[in-house]
């Protein structure tokens, strides 16, 4: 299981320039929402933006450390 602070730090470290807020939507440590703001999202489709975030966390999903993540991206 991944905690919100680890998710925040991982995204900010691997997607430089990001400002990240992580919300535990069900307060169960398994269902998170990531709000990620980054200028690199400019001129990218929503799918491309979300892929950029998901690429950072793919090992967490693969290893089942992360169960559910909704993503909101902003430029």
C-alpha atoms as a PDB file:
ATOM      1  CA  UNK A   1       0.000   0.000   0.000  1.00  0.00           C
ATOM      2  CA  UNK A   2       1.259   3.473  -0.854  1.00  0.00           C
ATOM      3  CA  UNK A   3       0.613   6.474   1.348  1.00  0.00           C
ATOM      4  CA  UNK A   4      -0.421   9.912   0.028  1.00  0.00           C
ATOM      5  CA  UNK A   5       2.914  11.565   0.836  1.00  0.00           C
ATOM      6  CA  UNK A   6       4.846   8.874  -1.065  1.00  0.00           C
ATOM      7  CA  UNK A   7       2.595   9.343  -4.103  1.00  0.00           C
ATOM      8  CA  UNK A   8       3.031  13.118  -3.989  1.00  0.00           C
ATOM      9  CA  UNK A   9       6.810  12.899  -3.699  1.00  0.00           C
ATOM     10  CA  UNK A  10       7.108  10.267  -6.428  1.00  0.00           C
ATOM     11  CA  UNK A  11       5.099  12.312  -8.928  1.00  0.00           C
ATOM     12  CA  UNK A  12       6.922  15.553  -8.087  1.00  0.00           C
ATOM     13  CA  UNK A  13      10.330  13.844  -8.318  1.00  0.00           C
ATOM     14  CA  UNK A  14       9.662  12.085 -11.618  1.00  0.00           C
ATOM     15  CA  UNK A  15       7.504  14.689 -13.341  1.00  0.00           C
ATOM     16  CA  UNK A  16       9.620  17.745 -12.666  1.00  0.00           C
ATOM     17  CA  UNK A  17       7.838  21.037 -12.211  1.00  0.00           C
ATOM     18  CA  UNK A  18       4.688  19.400 -10.880  1.00  0.00           C
ATOM     19  CA  UNK A  19       2.637  20.680  -8.008  1.00  0.00           C
ATOM     20  CA  UNK A  20       0.696  17.736  -6.597  1.00  0.00           C
ATOM     21  CA  UNK A  21      -2.160  17.258  -4.165  1.00  0.00           C
ATOM     22  CA  UNK A  22      -3.192  13.736  -3.164  1.00  0.00           C
ATOM     23  CA  UNK A  23      -6.612  13.041  -1.646  1.00  0.00           C
ATOM     24  CA  UNK A  24      -7.547   9.730  -0.016  1.00  0.00           C
ATOM     25  CA  UNK A  25     -11.076   9.717  -1.420  1.00  0.00           C
ATOM     26  CA  UNK A  26     -12.488   6.939   0.756  1.00  0.00           C
ATOM     27  CA  UNK A  27     -10.095   7.358   3.653  1.00  0.00           C
ATOM     28  CA  UNK A  28      -9.060   3.729   3.175  1.00  0.00           C
ATOM     29  CA  UNK A  29      -5.494   4.110   1.897  1.00  0.00           C
ATOM     30  CA  UNK A  30      -6.426   2.491  -1.411  1.00  0.00           C
ATOM     31  CA  UNK A  31      -8.537   4.969  -3.407  1.00  0.00           C
ATOM     32  CA  UNK A  32      -6.674   8.164  -4.226  1.00  0.00           C
ATOM     33  CA  UNK A  33      -7.179  11.227  -6.341  1.00  0.00           C
ATOM     34  CA  UNK A  34      -4.140  13.043  -7.690  1.00  0.00           C
ATOM     35  CA  UNK A  35      -4.455  16.670  -8.712  1.00  0.00           C
ATOM     36  CA  UNK A  36      -1.352  17.441 -10.742  1.00  0.00           C
ATOM     37  CA  UNK A  37      -0.455  20.866 -12.075  1.00  0.00           C
ATOM     38  CA  UNK A  38       2.397  21.122 -14.563  1.00  0.00           C
ATOM     39  CA  UNK A  39       3.241  23.439 -17.446  1.00  0.00           C
ATOM     40  CA  UNK A  40       4.372  20.397 -19.445  1.00  0.00           C
ATOM     41  CA  UNK A  41       0.681  19.551 -19.902  1.00  0.00           C
ATOM     42  CA  UNK A  42       0.254  22.559 -22.211  1.00  0.00           C
ATOM     43  CA  UNK A  43      -0.754  21.463 -25.732  1.00  0.00           C
ATOM     44  CA  UNK A  44      -1.123  17.830 -24.621  1.00  0.00           C
ATOM     45  CA  UNK A  45      -4.394  15.943 -24.815  1.00  0.00           C
ATOM     46  CA  UNK A  46      -6.046  14.812 -21.604  1.00  0.00           C
ATOM     47  CA  UNK A  47      -5.034  11.227 -22.388  1.00  0.00           C
ATOM     48  CA  UNK A  48      -1.396  12.277 -22.859  1.00  0.00           C
ATOM     49  CA  UNK A  49      -1.457  14.219 -19.594  1.00  0.00           C
ATOM     50  CA  UNK A  50      -2.848  11.261 -17.670  1.00  0.00           C
ATOM     51  CA  UNK A  51      -0.326   8.898 -19.283  1.00  0.00           C
ATOM     52  CA  UNK A  52       2.486  11.154 -18.102  1.00  0.00           C
ATOM     53  CA  UNK A  53       1.264  10.739 -14.526  1.00  0.00           C
ATOM     54  CA  UNK A  54       0.479   7.026 -14.849  1.00  0.00           C
ATOM     55  CA  UNK A  55       3.911   6.289 -16.318  1.00  0.00           C
ATOM     56  CA  UNK A  56       5.442   7.494 -13.061  1.00  0.00           C
ATOM     57  CA  UNK A  57       3.251   5.120 -11.043  1.00  0.00           C
ATOM     58  CA  UNK A  58       3.137   2.044 -13.292  1.00  0.00           C
ATOM     59  CA  UNK A  59       5.310  -0.042 -10.945  1.00  0.00           C
ATOM     60  CA  UNK A  60       3.020   0.793  -8.015  1.00  0.00           C
ATOM     61  CA  UNK A  61       0.035  -0.562  -9.956  1.00  0.00           C
ATOM     62  CA  UNK A  62       1.995  -3.561 -11.204  1.00  0.00           C
ATOM     63  CA  UNK A  63       3.127  -4.472  -7.681  1.00  0.00           C
ATOM     64  CA  UNK A  64      -0.395  -3.827  -6.356  1.00  0.00           C
ATOM     65  CA  UNK A  65       0.858  -1.100  -4.028  1.00  0.00           C
ATOM     66  CA  UNK A  66      -1.724   1.192  -5.583  1.00  0.00           C
ATOM     67  CA  UNK A  67      -5.284   0.039  -6.213  1.00  0.00           C
ATOM     68  CA  UNK A  68      -7.206   3.029  -7.558  1.00  0.00           C
ATOM     69  CA  UNK A  69      -6.209   6.497  -8.720  1.00  0.00           C
ATOM     70  CA  UNK A  70      -8.323   9.184 -10.314  1.00  0.00           C
ATOM     71  CA  UNK A  71      -6.334  11.933 -11.968  1.00  0.00           C
ATOM     72  CA  UNK A  72      -7.063  15.603 -12.501  1.00  0.00           C
ATOM     73  CA  UNK A  73      -4.466  17.513 -14.490  1.00  0.00           C
ATOM     74  CA  UNK A  74      -4.047  21.256 -14.884  1.00  0.00           C
ATOM     75  CA  UNK A  75      -1.663  23.412 -16.863  1.00  0.00           C
END
